[in-house]
Amino acid sequence: MERDATDHFRFAPIQTNLAQELCAEYNMPVDISTAILVDEQGAHTHSTSVLRLFLYMGFAYEWMGLLALRVVPRFVRDA
């Protein structure tokens, strides 16, 4: 969170009530099998959740994230 200069992200451990409610609302897993990102576009898991974080981290990361999300199929990214 130190690197979140725009104060855009909020982290919640999966054990908290907030995280449990969000997982239920978006039909996401409630275990620690993957990272989950909830943003304006909905909820995302696996590689998509991590790559979508790149979109908020500055120019170079934004381009890497966009390229990977659009060019590399999800089944390859998640392998």
Protein backbone atom coordinates (compact mmCIF):
# COMPACT_ATOMS: atom_id res chain seq x y z
CA MET A 1 0.00 0.00 0.00
CA GLU A 2 3.03 2.27 0.33
CA ARG A 3 3.30 2.34 -3.46
CA ASP A 4 -0.37 3.29 -3.96
CA ALA A 5 0.23 7.03 -4.32
CA THR A 6 -3.30 7.58 -5.68
CA ASP A 7 -4.92 5.74 -2.75
CA HIS A 8 -6.84 3.63 -5.27
CA PHE A 9 -6.55 0.17 -3.69
CA ARG A 10 -8.02 -1.35 -0.57
CA PHE A 11 -6.88 -4.75 0.61
CA ALA A 12 -9.03 -7.10 2.65
CA PRO A 13 -7.94 -10.48 4.00
CA ILE A 14 -10.28 -13.22 2.80
CA GLN A 15 -11.22 -13.97 6.43
CA THR A 16 -12.86 -10.55 6.97
CA ASN A 17 -16.61 -9.98 6.74
CA LEU A 18 -16.12 -7.47 3.91
CA ALA A 19 -14.15 -9.92 1.80
CA GLN A 20 -16.63 -12.72 2.47
CA GLU A 21 -19.54 -10.46 1.45
CA LEU A 22 -17.79 -9.35 -1.76
CA CYS A 23 -16.96 -12.95 -2.67
CA ALA A 24 -20.59 -13.94 -2.17
CA GLU A 25 -21.85 -10.94 -4.15
CA TYR A 26 -19.57 -11.65 -7.12
CA ASN A 27 -19.70 -15.47 -6.82
CA MET A 28 -15.95 -15.70 -6.20
CA PRO A 29 -14.06 -18.41 -4.29
CA VAL A 30 -13.74 -17.87 -0.55
CA ASP A 31 -10.47 -19.73 -0.15
CA ILE A 32 -6.89 -18.66 -0.77
CA SER A 33 -6.57 -20.37 -4.16
CA THR A 34 -6.24 -17.09 -6.05
CA ALA A 35 -6.04 -13.32 -5.81
CA ILE A 36 -9.35 -11.57 -6.35
CA LEU A 37 -9.70 -8.03 -7.68
CA VAL A 38 -13.01 -6.19 -7.58
CA ASP A 39 -13.06 -3.07 -9.74
CA GLU A 40 -15.42 -1.04 -11.92
CA GLN A 41 -15.60 -3.92 -14.42
CA GLY A 42 -16.57 -6.56 -11.84
CA ALA A 43 -14.58 -9.26 -10.07
CA HIS A 44 -11.50 -10.92 -11.54
CA THR A 45 -9.36 -13.89 -10.51
CA HIS A 46 -6.08 -15.57 -11.42
CA SER A 47 -3.84 -13.78 -13.92
CA THR A 48 -6.57 -11.32 -14.90
CA SER A 49 -6.71 -9.90 -11.38
CA VAL A 50 -2.96 -9.32 -11.28
CA LEU A 51 -2.72 -7.90 -14.80
CA ARG A 52 -5.62 -5.52 -14.18
CA LEU A 53 -3.65 -4.13 -11.22
CA PHE A 54 -0.96 -3.15 -13.74
CA LEU A 55 -3.44 -0.74 -15.34
CA TYR A 56 -3.14 1.49 -12.26
CA MET A 57 0.64 1.33 -11.79
CA GLY A 58 1.97 3.76 -14.37
CA PHE A 59 2.76 3.90 -18.06
CA ALA A 60 5.15 0.95 -18.54
CA TYR A 61 3.12 -1.43 -16.39
CA GLU A 62 -0.11 -0.25 -17.96
CA TRP A 63 1.12 -1.19 -21.43
CA MET A 64 2.42 -4.58 -20.26
CA GLY A 65 -0.92 -5.31 -18.59
CA LEU A 66 -2.97 -4.25 -21.60
CA LEU A 67 -0.79 -6.25 -23.98
CA ALA A 68 -0.96 -9.40 -21.86
CA LEU A 69 -4.72 -9.08 -21.30
CA ARG A 70 -5.50 -8.59 -24.99
CA VAL A 71 -2.92 -10.80 -26.71
CA VAL A 72 -2.31 -13.77 -24.42
CA PRO A 73 -5.35 -16.06 -24.01
CA ARG A 74 -6.49 -16.59 -20.44
CA PHE A 75 -5.93 -20.37 -20.55
CA VAL A 76 -2.26 -19.69 -21.39
CA ARG A 77 -1.86 -16.97 -18.74
CA ASP A 78 -3.42 -19.13 -16.03
CA ALA A 79 -1.43 -22.28 -16.86
